[in-house]
Amino acid sequence: MLEGRQNASMKFDRDLSYNPTQSELDLELAMIMSLSSQEAATYAAQAFAEVEALLEEAEEATEERRLIQTLEGRNSVIKLADRMVKMFCECLTMPGQVELNHLTLDSIGGV
């Protein structure tokens, strides 16, 4: 099941202008809700890695093109990404209460 998700992520990474439809989002959420505990933990780790990669790309683009010129603006983007990861993790319903120890507030910057 996760192999298909990895392929979708790779496609998304190549085309950042991709805007999923509501039905695509609903389908993705249904897939997430049906994951086993181990699959959900893997999925969350992949999502976190994707956010980190996007932040790195944004940082490089900022340095090269000065897209976000202020420290306040950069911090705002980091806080947005952090909220996205937290919201994603809250959406997961994991049987057996698997803990994602690597996604603690300290490990994601405590934002």
PDB file of N, CA and C in Angstrom:
ATOM      1  N   MET A   1       0.829  -1.201   0.000  1.00  0.00           N
ATOM      2  CA  MET A   1       0.000   0.000   0.000  1.00  0.00           C
ATOM      3  C   MET A   1       0.869   1.258   0.000  1.00  0.00           C
ATOM      4  N   LEU A   2       1.934   1.265   0.786  1.00  0.00           N
ATOM      5  CA  LEU A   2       2.784   2.446   0.873  1.00  0.00           C
ATOM      6  C   LEU A   2       3.603   2.676  -0.384  1.00  0.00           C
ATOM      7  N   GLU A   3       3.820   1.620  -1.179  1.00  0.00           N
ATOM      8  CA  GLU A   3       4.585   1.808  -2.402  1.00  0.00           C
ATOM      9  C   GLU A   3       3.886   2.810  -3.312  1.00  0.00           C
ATOM     10  N   GLY A   4       2.573   2.712  -3.415  1.00  0.00           N
ATOM     11  CA  GLY A   4       1.815   3.665  -4.226  1.00  0.00           C
ATOM     12  C   GLY A   4       1.938   5.077  -3.681  1.00  0.00           C
ATOM     13  N   ARG A   5       1.953   5.208  -2.374  1.00  0.00           N
ATOM     14  CA  ARG A   5       2.100   6.524  -1.739  1.00  0.00           C
ATOM     15  C   ARG A   5       3.466   7.112  -2.057  1.00  0.00           C
ATOM     16  N   GLN A   6       4.507   6.271  -2.022  1.00  0.00           N
ATOM     17  CA  GLN A   6       5.846   6.764  -2.320  1.00  0.00           C
ATOM     18  C   GLN A   6       5.908   7.287  -3.745  1.00  0.00           C
ATOM     19  N   ASN A   7       5.305   6.567  -4.674  1.00  0.00           N
ATOM     20  CA  ASN A   7       5.299   7.024  -6.062  1.00  0.00           C
ATOM     21  C   ASN A   7       4.541   8.333  -6.200  1.00  0.00           C
ATOM     22  N   ALA A   8       3.432   8.450  -5.496  1.00  0.00           N
ATOM     23  CA  ALA A   8       2.665   9.696  -5.551  1.00  0.00           C
ATOM     24  C   ALA A   8       3.476  10.846  -4.983  1.00  0.00           C
ATOM     25  N   SER A   9       4.206  10.588  -3.901  1.00  0.00           N
ATOM     26  CA  SER A   9       5.033  11.628  -3.300  1.00  0.00           C
ATOM     27  C   SER A   9       6.119  12.077  -4.255  1.00  0.00           C
ATOM     28  N   MET A  10       6.723  11.120  -4.931  1.00  0.00           N
ATOM     29  CA  MET A  10       7.788  11.462  -5.859  1.00  0.00           C
ATOM     30  C   MET A  10       7.236  12.334  -6.986  1.00  0.00           C
ATOM     31  N   LYS A  11       6.036  12.022  -7.442  1.00  0.00           N
ATOM     32  CA  LYS A  11       5.412  12.829  -8.488  1.00  0.00           C
ATOM     33  C   LYS A  11       5.152  14.236  -7.958  1.00  0.00           C
ATOM     34  N   PHE A  12       4.651  14.318  -6.739  1.00  0.00           N
ATOM     35  CA  PHE A  12       4.365  15.616  -6.140  1.00  0.00           C
ATOM     36  C   PHE A  12       5.636  16.437  -6.003  1.00  0.00           C
ATOM     37  N   ASP A  13       6.737  15.781  -5.588  1.00  0.00           N
ATOM     38  CA  ASP A  13       7.995  16.493  -5.412  1.00  0.00           C
ATOM     39  C   ASP A  13       8.474  17.120  -6.714  1.00  0.00           C
ATOM     40  N   ARG A  14       8.204  16.461  -7.834  1.00  0.00           N
ATOM     41  CA  ARG A  14       8.654  16.980  -9.122  1.00  0.00           C
ATOM     42  C   ARG A  14       7.755  18.107  -9.625  1.00  0.00           C
ATOM     43  N   ASP A  15       6.515  18.138  -9.197  1.00  0.00           N
ATOM     44  CA  ASP A  15       5.567  19.130  -9.699  1.00  0.00           C
ATOM     45  C   ASP A  15       4.916  19.837  -8.517  1.00  0.00           C
ATOM     46  N   LEU A  16       5.552  20.889  -8.035  1.00  0.00           N
ATOM     47  CA  LEU A  16       5.044  21.589  -6.855  1.00  0.00           C
ATOM     48  C   LEU A  16       3.798  22.410  -7.147  1.00  0.00           C
ATOM     49  N   SER A  17       3.425  22.535  -8.421  1.00  0.00           N
ATOM     50  CA  SER A  17       2.217  23.278  -8.759  1.00  0.00           C
ATOM     51  C   SER A  17       0.980  22.382  -8.702  1.00  0.00           C
ATOM     52  N   TYR A  18       1.162  21.105  -8.398  1.00  0.00           N
ATOM     53  CA  TYR A  18       0.054  20.155  -8.334  1.00  0.00           C
ATOM     54  C   TYR A  18      -0.906  20.548  -7.220  1.00  0.00           C
ATOM     55  N   ASN A  19      -2.176  20.711  -7.560  1.00  0.00           N
ATOM     56  CA  ASN A  19      -3.211  21.030  -6.582  1.00  0.00           C
ATOM     57  C   ASN A  19      -4.255  19.921  -6.606  1.00  0.00           C
ATOM     58  N   PRO A  20      -4.265  19.054  -5.601  1.00  0.00           N
ATOM     59  CA  PRO A  20      -5.218  17.943  -5.600  1.00  0.00           C
ATOM     60  C   PRO A  20      -6.651  18.441  -5.448  1.00  0.00           C
ATOM     61  N   THR A  21      -7.569  17.687  -6.030  1.00  0.00           N
ATOM     62  CA  THR A  21      -8.986  18.005  -5.893  1.00  0.00           C
ATOM     63  C   THR A  21      -9.467  17.527  -4.524  1.00  0.00           C
ATOM     64  N   GLN A  22     -10.656  17.959  -4.137  1.00  0.00           N
ATOM     65  CA  GLN A  22     -11.213  17.538  -2.853  1.00  0.00           C
ATOM     66  C   GLN A  22     -11.402  16.027  -2.824  1.00  0.00           C
ATOM     67  N   SER A  23     -11.836  15.438  -3.935  1.00  0.00           N
ATOM     68  CA  SER A  23     -12.028  13.984  -3.955  1.00  0.00           C
ATOM     69  C   SER A  23     -10.695  13.253  -3.817  1.00  0.00           C
ATOM     70  N   GLU A  24      -9.620  13.801  -4.390  1.00  0.00           N
ATOM     71  CA  GLU A  24      -8.296  13.193  -4.227  1.00  0.00           C
ATOM     72  C   GLU A  24      -7.844  13.283  -2.770  1.00  0.00           C
ATOM     73  N   LEU A  25      -8.111  14.422  -2.135  1.00  0.00           N
ATOM     74  CA  LEU A  25      -7.762  14.575  -0.721  1.00  0.00           C
ATOM     75  C   LEU A  25      -8.559  13.613   0.151  1.00  0.00           C
ATOM     76  N   ASP A  26      -9.857  13.469  -0.155  1.00  0.00           N
ATOM     77  CA  ASP A  26     -10.701  12.543   0.602  1.00  0.00           C
ATOM     78  C   ASP A  26     -10.217  11.106   0.450  1.00  0.00           C
ATOM     79  N   LEU A  27      -9.820  10.743  -0.773  1.00  0.00           N
ATOM     80  CA  LEU A  27      -9.306   9.401  -1.027  1.00  0.00           C
ATOM     81  C   LEU A  27      -8.010   9.165  -0.258  1.00  0.00           C
ATOM     82  N   GLU A  28      -7.133  10.156  -0.262  1.00  0.00           N
ATOM     83  CA  GLU A  28      -5.866  10.055   0.475  1.00  0.00           C
ATOM     84  C   GLU A  28      -6.134   9.916   1.974  1.00  0.00           C
ATOM     85  N   LEU A  29      -7.060  10.695   2.508  1.00  0.00           N
ATOM     86  CA  LEU A  29      -7.388  10.612   3.931  1.00  0.00           C
ATOM     87  C   LEU A  29      -7.972   9.248   4.280  1.00  0.00           C
ATOM     88  N   ALA A  30      -8.833   8.717   3.410  1.00  0.00           N
ATOM     89  CA  ALA A  30      -9.397   7.386   3.647  1.00  0.00           C
ATOM     90  C   ALA A  30      -8.295   6.334   3.664  1.00  0.00           C
ATOM     91  N   MET A  31      -7.323   6.482   2.765  1.00  0.00           N
ATOM     92  CA  MET A  31      -6.201   5.548   2.727  1.00  0.00           C
ATOM     93  C   MET A  31      -5.397   5.643   4.026  1.00  0.00           C
ATOM     94  N   ILE A  32      -5.160   6.867   4.496  1.00  0.00           N
ATOM     95  CA  ILE A  32      -4.405   7.063   5.736  1.00  0.00           C
ATOM     96  C   ILE A  32      -5.132   6.409   6.909  1.00  0.00           C
ATOM     97  N   MET A  33      -6.433   6.591   6.968  1.00  0.00           N
ATOM     98  CA  MET A  33      -7.218   6.054   8.083  1.00  0.00           C
ATOM     99  C   MET A  33      -7.233   4.527   8.092  1.00  0.00           C
ATOM    100  N   SER A  34      -6.981   3.901   6.932  1.00  0.00           N
ATOM    101  CA  SER A  34      -7.024   2.442   6.858  1.00  0.00           C
ATOM    102  C   SER A  34      -5.667   1.788   7.105  1.00  0.00           C
ATOM    103  N   LEU A  35      -4.627   2.571   7.334  1.00  0.00           N
ATOM    104  CA  LEU A  35      -3.286   2.018   7.518  1.00  0.00           C
ATOM    105  C   LEU A  35      -3.154   1.294   8.851  1.00  0.00           C
ATOM    106  N   SER A  36      -2.319   0.278   8.853  1.00  0.00           N
ATOM    107  CA  SER A  36      -1.985  -0.388  10.115  1.00  0.00           C
ATOM    108  C   SER A  36      -1.087   0.546  10.923  1.00  0.00           C
ATOM    109  N   SER A  37      -0.833   0.191  12.154  1.00  0.00           N
ATOM    110  CA  SER A  37       0.015   1.023  13.013  1.00  0.00           C
ATOM    111  C   SER A  37       1.394   1.225  12.410  1.00  0.00           C
ATOM    112  N   GLN A  38       1.996   0.149  11.937  1.00  0.00           N
ATOM    113  CA  GLN A  38       3.337   0.242  11.365  1.00  0.00           C
ATOM    114  C   GLN A  38       3.323   1.068  10.078  1.00  0.00           C
ATOM    115  N   GLU A  39       2.322   0.859   9.234  1.00  0.00           N
ATOM    116  CA  GLU A  39       2.217   1.631   7.993  1.00  0.00           C
ATOM    117  C   GLU A  39       2.012   3.114   8.297  1.00  0.00           C
ATOM    118  N   ALA A  40       1.194   3.401   9.314  1.00  0.00           N
ATOM    119  CA  ALA A  40       0.946   4.795   9.688  1.00  0.00           C
ATOM    120  C   ALA A  40       2.220   5.457  10.190  1.00  0.00           C
ATOM    121  N   ALA A  41       3.009   4.729  10.969  1.00  0.00           N
ATOM    122  CA  ALA A  41       4.274   5.280  11.460  1.00  0.00           C
ATOM    123  C   ALA A  41       5.222   5.554  10.299  1.00  0.00           C
ATOM    124  N   THR A  42       5.282   4.637   9.341  1.00  0.00           N
ATOM    125  CA  THR A  42       6.128   4.824   8.158  1.00  0.00           C
ATOM    126  C   THR A  42       5.634   6.002   7.332  1.00  0.00           C
ATOM    127  N   TYR A  43       4.326   6.088   7.154  1.00  0.00           N
ATOM    128  CA  TYR A  43       3.726   7.174   6.380  1.00  0.00           C
ATOM    129  C   TYR A  43       4.035   8.526   7.026  1.00  0.00           C
ATOM    130  N   ALA A  44       3.898   8.595   8.342  1.00  0.00           N
ATOM    131  CA  ALA A  44       4.173   9.848   9.054  1.00  0.00           C
ATOM    132  C   ALA A  44       5.640  10.238   8.918  1.00  0.00           C
ATOM    133  N   ALA A  45       6.527   9.258   9.019  1.00  0.00           N
ATOM    134  CA  ALA A  45       7.958   9.545   8.867  1.00  0.00           C
ATOM    135  C   ALA A  45       8.262  10.055   7.460  1.00  0.00           C
ATOM    136  N   GLN A  46       7.615   9.467   6.449  1.00  0.00           N
ATOM    137  CA  GLN A  46       7.813   9.922   5.069  1.00  0.00           C
ATOM    138  C   GLN A  46       7.284  11.344   4.890  1.00  0.00           C
ATOM    139  N   ALA A  47       6.123  11.615   5.468  1.00  0.00           N
ATOM    140  CA  ALA A  47       5.544  12.957   5.347  1.00  0.00           C
ATOM    141  C   ALA A  47       6.450  13.984   6.017  1.00  0.00           C
ATOM    142  N   PHE A  48       6.985  13.630   7.168  1.00  0.00           N
ATOM    143  CA  PHE A  48       7.890  14.530   7.876  1.00  0.00           C
ATOM    144  C   PHE A  48       9.143  14.780   7.045  1.00  0.00           C
ATOM    145  N   ALA A  49       9.679  13.721   6.431  1.00  0.00           N
ATOM    146  CA  ALA A  49      10.869  13.865   5.581  1.00  0.00           C
ATOM    147  C   ALA A  49      10.572  14.754   4.374  1.00  0.00           C
ATOM    148  N   GLU A  50       9.369  14.633   3.813  1.00  0.00           N
ATOM    149  CA  GLU A  50       8.983  15.476   2.677  1.00  0.00           C
ATOM    150  C   GLU A  50       8.922  16.944   3.084  1.00  0.00           C
ATOM    151  N   VAL A  51       8.361  17.214   4.259  1.00  0.00           N
ATOM    152  CA  VAL A  51       8.288  18.596   4.738  1.00  0.00           C
ATOM    153  C   VAL A  51       9.693  19.149   4.955  1.00  0.00           C
ATOM    154  N   GLU A  52      10.567  18.343   5.546  1.00  0.00           N
ATOM    155  CA  GLU A  52      11.951  18.786   5.744  1.00  0.00           C
ATOM    156  C   GLU A  52      12.622  19.101   4.410  1.00  0.00           C
ATOM    157  N   ALA A  53      12.421  18.228   3.411  1.00  0.00           N
ATOM    158  CA  ALA A  53      13.027  18.444   2.092  1.00  0.00           C
ATOM    159  C   ALA A  53      12.485  19.717   1.449  1.00  0.00           C
ATOM    160  N   LEU A  54      11.182  19.945   1.577  1.00  0.00           N
ATOM    161  CA  LEU A  54      10.590  21.163   1.019  1.00  0.00           C
ATOM    162  C   LEU A  54      11.129  22.404   1.718  1.00  0.00           C
ATOM    163  N   LEU A  55      11.326  22.318   3.027  1.00  0.00           N
ATOM    164  CA  LEU A  55      11.898  23.448   3.757  1.00  0.00           C
ATOM    165  C   LEU A  55      13.328  23.731   3.299  1.00  0.00           C
ATOM    166  N   GLU A  56      14.103  22.670   3.075  1.00  0.00           N
ATOM    167  CA  GLU A  56      15.469  22.854   2.585  1.00  0.00           C
ATOM    168  C   GLU A  56      15.472  23.507   1.207  1.00  0.00           C
ATOM    169  N   GLU A  57      14.567  23.041   0.324  1.00  0.00           N
ATOM    170  CA  GLU A  57      14.468  23.640  -1.008  1.00  0.00           C
ATOM    171  C   GLU A  57      14.067  25.107  -0.909  1.00  0.00           C
ATOM    172  N   ALA A  58      13.120  25.397  -0.025  1.00  0.00           N
ATOM    173  CA  ALA A  58      12.678  26.780   0.145  1.00  0.00           C
ATOM    174  C   ALA A  58      13.810  27.645   0.678  1.00  0.00           C
ATOM    175  N   GLU A  59      14.591  27.093   1.594  1.00  0.00           N
ATOM    176  CA  GLU A  59      15.718  27.840   2.146  1.00  0.00           C
ATOM    177  C   GLU A  59      16.748  28.139   1.057  1.00  0.00           C
ATOM    178  N   GLU A  60      17.049  27.135   0.225  1.00  0.00           N
ATOM    179  CA  GLU A  60      17.996  27.349  -0.872  1.00  0.00           C
ATOM    180  C   GLU A  60      17.467  28.400  -1.845  1.00  0.00           C
ATOM    181  N   ALA A  61      16.184  28.308  -2.178  1.00  0.00           N
ATOM    182  CA  ALA A  61      15.592  29.275  -3.101  1.00  0.00           C
ATOM    183  C   ALA A  61      15.617  30.673  -2.502  1.00  0.00           C
ATOM    184  N   THR A  62      15.398  30.740  -1.200  1.00  0.00           N
ATOM    185  CA  THR A  62      15.420  32.028  -0.518  1.00  0.00           C
ATOM    186  C   THR A  62      16.805  32.644  -0.589  1.00  0.00           C
ATOM    187  N   GLU A  63      17.811  31.830  -0.344  1.00  0.00           N
ATOM    188  CA  GLU A  63      19.182  32.331  -0.390  1.00  0.00           C
ATOM    189  C   GLU A  63      19.554  32.784  -1.797  1.00  0.00           C
ATOM    190  N   GLU A  64      19.095  32.030  -2.800  1.00  0.00           N
ATOM    191  CA  GLU A  64      19.447  32.347  -4.178  1.00  0.00           C
ATOM    192  C   GLU A  64      18.649  33.530  -4.722  1.00  0.00           C
ATOM    193  N   ARG A  65      17.369  33.575  -4.423  1.00  0.00           N
ATOM    194  CA  ARG A  65      16.478  34.564  -5.043  1.00  0.00           C
ATOM    195  C   ARG A  65      15.916  35.584  -4.065  1.00  0.00           C
ATOM    196  N   ARG A  66      16.208  35.422  -2.811  1.00  0.00           N
ATOM    197  CA  ARG A  66      15.686  36.331  -1.786  1.00  0.00           C
ATOM    198  C   ARG A  66      14.154  36.379  -1.793  1.00  0.00           C
ATOM    199  N   LEU A  67      13.528  35.203  -1.848  1.00  0.00           N
ATOM    200  CA  LEU A  67      12.070  35.147  -1.880  1.00  0.00           C
ATOM    201  C   LEU A  67      11.453  35.583  -0.555  1.00  0.00           C
ATOM    202  N   ILE A  68      12.034  35.127   0.534  1.00  0.00           N
ATOM    203  CA  ILE A  68      11.560  35.525   1.858  1.00  0.00           C
ATOM    204  C   ILE A  68      12.689  36.331   2.474  1.00  0.00           C
ATOM    205  N   GLN A  69      12.497  37.621   2.565  1.00  0.00           N
ATOM    206  CA  GLN A  69      13.605  38.509   2.889  1.00  0.00           C
ATOM    207  C   GLN A  69      13.815  38.741   4.377  1.00  0.00           C
ATOM    208  N   THR A  70      12.808  38.488   5.191  1.00  0.00           N
ATOM    209  CA  THR A  70      12.954  38.785   6.615  1.00  0.00           C
ATOM    210  C   THR A  70      13.031  37.505   7.442  1.00  0.00           C
ATOM    211  N   LEU A  71      13.659  37.614   8.582  1.00  0.00           N
ATOM    212  CA  LEU A  71      13.726  36.493   9.513  1.00  0.00           C
ATOM    213  C   LEU A  71      12.318  36.124   9.987  1.00  0.00           C
ATOM    214  N   GLU A  72      11.490  37.126  10.180  1.00  0.00           N
ATOM    215  CA  GLU A  72      10.107  36.880  10.601  1.00  0.00           C
ATOM    216  C   GLU A  72       9.363  36.050   9.557  1.00  0.00           C
ATOM    217  N   GLY A  73       9.572  36.360   8.287  1.00  0.00           N
ATOM    218  CA  GLY A  73       8.941  35.599   7.209  1.00  0.00           C
ATOM    219  C   GLY A  73       9.418  34.158   7.174  1.00  0.00           C
ATOM    220  N   ARG A  74      10.712  33.958   7.354  1.00  0.00           N
ATOM    221  CA  ARG A  74      11.267  32.600   7.370  1.00  0.00           C
ATOM    222  C   ARG A  74      10.706  31.807   8.545  1.00  0.00           C
ATOM    223  N   ASN A  75      10.653  32.439   9.705  1.00  0.00           N
ATOM    224  CA  ASN A  75      10.098  31.763  10.880  1.00  0.00           C
ATOM    225  C   ASN A  75       8.630  31.416  10.667  1.00  0.00           C
ATOM    226  N   SER A  76       7.911  32.267   9.971  1.00  0.00           N
ATOM    227  CA  SER A  76       6.507  32.009   9.679  1.00  0.00           C
ATOM    228  C   SER A  76       6.349  30.756   8.821  1.00  0.00           C
ATOM    229  N   VAL A  77       7.208  30.595   7.830  1.00  0.00           N
ATOM    230  CA  VAL A  77       7.159  29.409   6.971  1.00  0.00           C
ATOM    231  C   VAL A  77       7.477  28.159   7.781  1.00  0.00           C
ATOM    232  N   ILE A  78       8.459  28.240   8.656  1.00  0.00           N
ATOM    233  CA  ILE A  78       8.826  27.095   9.490  1.00  0.00           C
ATOM    234  C   ILE A  78       7.666  26.727  10.417  1.00  0.00           C
ATOM    235  N   LYS A  79       7.016  27.719  11.010  1.00  0.00           N
ATOM    236  CA  LYS A  79       5.879  27.447  11.892  1.00  0.00           C
ATOM    237  C   LYS A  79       4.722  26.822  11.117  1.00  0.00           C
ATOM    238  N   LEU A  80       4.498  27.285   9.887  1.00  0.00           N
ATOM    239  CA  LEU A  80       3.443  26.707   9.057  1.00  0.00           C
ATOM    240  C   LEU A  80       3.729  25.232   8.799  1.00  0.00           C
ATOM    241  N   ALA A  81       4.955  24.914   8.415  1.00  0.00           N
ATOM    242  CA  ALA A  81       5.319  23.519   8.160  1.00  0.00           C
ATOM    243  C   ALA A  81       5.154  22.682   9.422  1.00  0.00           C
ATOM    244  N   ASP A  82       5.535  23.232  10.555  1.00  0.00           N
ATOM    245  CA  ASP A  82       5.395  22.525  11.825  1.00  0.00           C
ATOM    246  C   ASP A  82       3.928  22.235  12.122  1.00  0.00           C
ATOM    247  N   ARG A  83       3.065  23.235  11.921  1.00  0.00           N
ATOM    248  CA  ARG A  83       1.627  23.027  12.147  1.00  0.00           C
ATOM    249  C   ARG A  83       1.078  21.962  11.206  1.00  0.00           C
ATOM    250  N   MET A  84       1.554  21.951   9.957  1.00  0.00           N
ATOM    251  CA  MET A  84       1.091  20.950   8.997  1.00  0.00           C
ATOM    252  C   MET A  84       1.448  19.545   9.469  1.00  0.00           C
ATOM    253  N   VAL A  85       2.665  19.364   9.953  1.00  0.00           N
ATOM    254  CA  VAL A  85       3.091  18.050  10.442  1.00  0.00           C
ATOM    255  C   VAL A  85       2.261  17.652  11.655  1.00  0.00           C
ATOM    256  N   LYS A  86       2.047  18.578  12.590  1.00  0.00           N
ATOM    257  CA  LYS A  86       1.258  18.275  13.786  1.00  0.00           C
ATOM    258  C   LYS A  86      -0.174  17.899  13.413  1.00  0.00           C
ATOM    259  N   MET A  87      -0.781  18.647  12.488  1.00  0.00           N
ATOM    260  CA  MET A  87      -2.147  18.347  12.070  1.00  0.00           C
ATOM    261  C   MET A  87      -2.211  16.978  11.407  1.00  0.00           C
ATOM    262  N   PHE A  88      -1.215  16.669  10.585  1.00  0.00           N
ATOM    263  CA  PHE A  88      -1.183  15.366   9.933  1.00  0.00           C
ATOM    264  C   PHE A  88      -1.112  14.257  10.974  1.00  0.00           C
ATOM    265  N   CYS A  89      -0.227  14.407  11.938  1.00  0.00           N
ATOM    266  CA  CYS A  89      -0.066  13.376  12.964  1.00  0.00           C
ATOM    267  C   CYS A  89      -1.338  13.219  13.793  1.00  0.00           C
ATOM    268  N   GLU A  90      -2.046  14.308  14.034  1.00  0.00           N
ATOM    269  CA  GLU A  90      -3.297  14.237  14.790  1.00  0.00           C
ATOM    270  C   GLU A  90      -4.384  13.529  13.994  1.00  0.00           C
ATOM    271  N   CYS A  91      -4.311  13.593  12.661  1.00  0.00           N
ATOM    272  CA  CYS A  91      -5.310  12.939  11.812  1.00  0.00           C
ATOM    273  C   CYS A  91      -5.189  11.425  11.847  1.00  0.00           C
ATOM    274  N   LEU A  92      -4.009  10.942  12.129  1.00  0.00           N
ATOM    275  CA  LEU A  92      -3.793   9.501  12.102  1.00  0.00           C
ATOM    276  C   LEU A  92      -4.499   8.834  13.272  1.00  0.00           C
ATOM    277  N   THR A  93      -5.234   7.810  12.973  1.00  0.00           N
ATOM    278  CA  THR A  93      -5.792   6.975  14.035  1.00  0.00           C
ATOM    279  C   THR A  93      -5.037   5.663  13.959  1.00  0.00           C
ATOM    280  N   MET A  94      -4.280   5.398  14.993  1.00  0.00           N
ATOM    281  CA  MET A  94      -3.408   4.236  14.955  1.00  0.00           C
ATOM    282  C   MET A  94      -3.830   3.222  16.003  1.00  0.00           C
ATOM    283  N   PRO A  95      -4.315   2.055  15.553  1.00  0.00           N
ATOM    284  CA  PRO A  95      -4.643   0.998  16.511  1.00  0.00           C
ATOM    285  C   PRO A  95      -3.406   0.621  17.315  1.00  0.00           C
ATOM    286  N   GLY A  96      -3.592   0.383  18.575  1.00  0.00           N
ATOM    287  CA  GLY A  96      -2.474  -0.017  19.417  1.00  0.00           C
ATOM    288  C   GLY A  96      -1.674   1.159  19.932  1.00  0.00           C
ATOM    289  N   GLN A  97      -2.111   2.386  19.641  1.00  0.00           N
ATOM    290  CA  GLN A  97      -1.460   3.592  20.149  1.00  0.00           C
ATOM    291  C   GLN A  97       0.047   3.603  19.908  1.00  0.00           C
ATOM    292  N   VAL A  98       0.454   3.389  18.674  1.00  0.00           N
ATOM    293  CA  VAL A  98       1.877   3.462  18.334  1.00  0.00           C
ATOM    294  C   VAL A  98       2.347   4.883  18.571  1.00  0.00           C
ATOM    295  N   GLU A  99       3.461   5.012  19.259  1.00  0.00           N
ATOM    296  CA  GLU A  99       4.002   6.337  19.522  1.00  0.00           C
ATOM    297  C   GLU A  99       5.073   6.656  18.497  1.00  0.00           C
ATOM    298  N   LEU A 100       5.035   7.857  17.973  1.00  0.00           N
ATOM    299  CA  LEU A 100       6.033   8.312  17.018  1.00  0.00           C
ATOM    300  C   LEU A 100       7.066   9.123  17.791  1.00  0.00           C
ATOM    301  N   ASN A 101       7.941   8.426  18.487  1.00  0.00           N
ATOM    302  CA  ASN A 101       8.891   9.078  19.384  1.00  0.00           C
ATOM    303  C   ASN A 101       9.792  10.069  18.675  1.00  0.00           C
ATOM    304  N   HIS A 102      10.065   9.828  17.400  1.00  0.00           N
ATOM    305  CA  HIS A 102      10.952  10.731  16.665  1.00  0.00           C
ATOM    306  C   HIS A 102      10.251  12.029  16.273  1.00  0.00           C
ATOM    307  N   LEU A 103       8.951  12.151  16.506  1.00  0.00           N
ATOM    308  CA  LEU A 103       8.217  13.366  16.162  1.00  0.00           C
ATOM    309  C   LEU A 103       7.774  14.111  17.418  1.00  0.00           C
ATOM    310  N   THR A 104       8.670  14.277  18.354  1.00  0.00           N
ATOM    311  CA  THR A 104       8.363  15.038  19.557  1.00  0.00           C
ATOM    312  C   THR A 104       8.555  16.519  19.274  1.00  0.00           C
ATOM    313  N   LEU A 105       8.040  17.366  20.146  1.00  0.00           N
ATOM    314  CA  LEU A 105       8.221  18.805  19.967  1.00  0.00           C
ATOM    315  C   LEU A 105       9.689  19.178  19.910  1.00  0.00           C
ATOM    316  N   ASP A 106      10.507  18.525  20.719  1.00  0.00           N
ATOM    317  CA  ASP A 106      11.939  18.833  20.710  1.00  0.00           C
ATOM    318  C   ASP A 106      12.586  18.460  19.388  1.00  0.00           C
ATOM    319  N   SER A 107      12.181  17.310  18.819  1.00  0.00           N
ATOM    320  CA  SER A 107      12.826  16.855  17.587  1.00  0.00           C
ATOM    321  C   SER A 107      12.398  17.668  16.377  1.00  0.00           C
ATOM    322  N   ILE A 108      11.268  18.384  16.466  1.00  0.00           N
ATOM    323  CA  ILE A 108      10.842  19.206  15.332  1.00  0.00           C
ATOM    324  C   ILE A 108      11.002  20.690  15.633  1.00  0.00           C
ATOM    325  N   GLY A 109      11.845  20.995  16.568  1.00  0.00           N
ATOM    326  CA  GLY A 109      12.183  22.388  16.828  1.00  0.00           C
ATOM    327  C   GLY A 109      11.380  23.051  17.918  1.00  0.00           C
ATOM    328  N   GLY A 110      10.405  22.357  18.493  1.00  0.00           N
ATOM    329  CA  GLY A 110       9.629  22.913  19.590  1.00  0.00           C
ATOM    330  C   GLY A 110       8.815  24.125  19.215  1.00  0.00           C
ATOM    331  N   VAL A 111       8.506  24.284  17.941  1.00  0.00           N
ATOM    332  CA  VAL A 111       7.759  25.461  17.483  1.00  0.00           C
ATOM    333  C   VAL A 111       6.315  25.320  17.871  1.00  0.00           C
TER     334      VAL A 111
END
